[in-house]
Every structure is written in structure tokens, then in C-alpha cells.
C-alpha atoms as a PDB file:
ATOM      1  CA  MET A   1     -58.548  13.601  77.974  1.00  0.00           C
ATOM      2  CA  GLN A   2     -57.541  12.452  81.461  1.00  0.00           C
ATOM      3  CA  ILE A   3     -58.868   9.163  82.744  1.00  0.00           C
ATOM      4  CA  GLY A   4     -56.623   8.523  85.740  1.00  0.00           C
ATOM      5  CA  ILE A   5     -54.152   5.941  84.413  1.00  0.00           C
ATOM      6  CA  SER A   6     -50.390   6.171  84.860  1.00  0.00           C
ATOM      7  CA  GLN A   7     -49.385   5.095  81.335  1.00  0.00           C
ATOM      8  CA  ALA A   8     -51.076   5.477  77.979  1.00  0.00           C
ATOM      9  CA  ILE A   9     -51.853   2.464  75.822  1.00  0.00           C
ATOM     10  CA  HIS A  10     -51.753   3.084  72.068  1.00  0.00           C
ATOM     11  CA  LEU A  11     -54.866   1.455  70.604  1.00  0.00           C
ATOM     12  CA  ALA A  12     -55.051   2.869  67.095  1.00  0.00           C
ATOM     13  CA  GLN A  13     -54.416   5.900  64.942  1.00  0.00           C
ATOM     14  CA  GLY A  14     -57.089   7.551  62.892  1.00  0.00           C
ATOM     15  CA  SER A  15     -57.854  10.766  61.092  1.00  0.00           C
ATOM     16  CA  THR A  16     -61.118  11.447  62.973  1.00  0.00           C
ATOM     17  CA  LEU A  17     -62.251  10.946  66.571  1.00  0.00           C
ATOM     18  CA  LYS A  18     -65.943  10.996  67.482  1.00  0.00           C
ATOM     19  CA  LEU A  19     -67.014  11.183  71.147  1.00  0.00           C
ATOM     20  CA  ARG A  20     -70.671  10.615  71.989  1.00  0.00           C
ATOM     21  CA  ILE A  21     -71.493  12.132  75.370  1.00  0.00           C
ATOM     22  CA  PHE A  22     -74.569  10.878  77.221  1.00  0.00           C
ATOM     23  CA  GLY A  23     -76.081  11.944  80.544  1.00  0.00           C
ATOM     24  CA  SER A  24     -75.025  15.161  82.254  1.00  0.00           C
ATOM     25  CA  THR A  25     -72.363  17.741  81.396  1.00  0.00           C
ATOM     26  CA  LEU A  26     -68.744  16.648  81.215  1.00  0.00           C
ATOM     27  CA  PRO A  27     -65.710  18.859  81.992  1.00  0.00           C
ATOM     28  CA  MET A  28     -63.391  19.080  78.957  1.00  0.00           C
ATOM     29  CA  GLN A  29     -60.165  20.934  78.169  1.00  0.00           C
ATOM     30  CA  CYS A  30     -58.292  21.749  74.954  1.00  0.00           C
ATOM     31  CA  ASP A  31     -55.111  23.849  74.738  1.00  0.00           C
ATOM     32  CA  GLY A  32     -55.559  24.937  78.351  1.00  0.00           C
ATOM     33  CA  GLU A  33     -59.117  26.196  77.838  1.00  0.00           C
ATOM     34  CA  ALA A  34     -61.688  24.394  79.994  1.00  0.00           C
ATOM     35  CA  TRP A  35     -65.462  24.193  79.440  1.00  0.00           C
ATOM     36  CA  LEU A  36     -68.499  22.131  80.383  1.00  0.00           C
ATOM     37  CA  GLN A  37     -69.592  19.996  77.440  1.00  0.00           C
ATOM     38  CA  TYR A  38     -73.285  19.193  77.231  1.00  0.00           C
ATOM     39  CA  PRO A  39     -74.487  15.799  75.966  1.00  0.00           C
ATOM     40  CA  GLY A  40     -74.029  15.411  72.234  1.00  0.00           C
ATOM     41  CA  VAL A  41     -71.357  14.491  69.698  1.00  0.00           C
ATOM     42  CA  VAL A  42     -67.832  15.964  69.685  1.00  0.00           C
ATOM     43  CA  GLN A  43     -65.921  15.263  66.474  1.00  0.00           C
ATOM     44  CA  ILE A  44     -62.173  15.962  66.264  1.00  0.00           C
ATOM     45  CA  SER A  45     -60.288  15.811  62.965  1.00  0.00           C
ATOM     46  CA  HIS A  46     -57.127  17.290  61.492  1.00  0.00           C
ATOM     47  CA  LEU A  47     -57.208  20.086  58.931  1.00  0.00           C
ATOM     48  CA  ASN A  48     -53.786  19.768  57.301  1.00  0.00           C
ATOM     49  CA  GLN A  49     -50.570  17.857  57.828  1.00  0.00           C
ATOM     50  CA  VAL A  50     -47.810  19.613  59.785  1.00  0.00           C
ATOM     51  CA  LEU A  51     -44.088  19.049  59.282  1.00  0.00           C
ATOM     52  CA  MET A  52     -42.203  18.216  62.473  1.00  0.00           C
ATOM     53  CA  LEU A  53     -38.519  17.914  63.337  1.00  0.00           C
ATOM     54  CA  MET A  54     -37.261  14.473  64.294  1.00  0.00           C
ATOM     55  CA  LYS A  55     -34.015  13.243  65.830  1.00  0.00           C
ATOM     56  CA  ASN A  56     -31.635  11.602  63.364  1.00  0.00           C
ATOM     57  CA  ASP A  57     -30.900   8.074  64.614  1.00  0.00           C
ATOM     58  CA  ASP A  58     -27.520   8.071  62.814  1.00  0.00           C
ATOM     59  CA  THR A  59     -26.170  10.913  64.964  1.00  0.00           C
ATOM     60  CA  ASP A  60     -23.198   9.815  67.050  1.00  0.00           C
ATOM     61  CA  LYS A  61     -23.415  10.827  70.714  1.00  0.00           C
ATOM     62  CA  GLU A  62     -19.712  11.765  70.740  1.00  0.00           C
ATOM     63  CA  GLN A  63     -20.290  14.291  67.951  1.00  0.00           C
ATOM     64  CA  LEU A  64     -23.012  15.984  69.999  1.00  0.00           C
ATOM     65  CA  SER A  65     -20.818  16.278  73.092  1.00  0.00           C
ATOM     66  CA  THR A  66     -18.112  18.193  71.177  1.00  0.00           C
ATOM     67  CA  PHE A  67     -20.479  21.133  70.717  1.00  0.00           C
ATOM     68  CA  PHE A  68     -21.203  21.567  74.432  1.00  0.00           C
END
């Protein structure tokens, strides 16, 4: 969702997001696919949890530079 601000502000974290759209159609985009959303309710939730890789904070920068 783009709203024309330069930096995001983290408000909260939840498992479900519900958008209630009033008035006329609203342009939306997900994964590069755009569409016109008519007034109604859009509910977004996660299906399963996904494992992700994360940087190890204990890694010494000098150790990384020896590989490159």
C-alpha cells in the first residue's frame, strides 16, 4: 500500500488485516499485479509460518572479509 510518505512508521503487528473500502473503486497492487478494487472488505491473513534466514550478530566483520 503506498500512501506517499518517505518513511514507514511501525504501528503494530497482527495476524490479520481488514481494510474496509468505501466510495468508489480504489487501485490496488499485490506481487506486481494491479487491479481496481470495488467498495467492500479486503481481509489479509497469513496461511502458515515461513522460516527465514537471518544475519548472525556474533559474526566478526574481519572473518567475512577473509573470504572475499
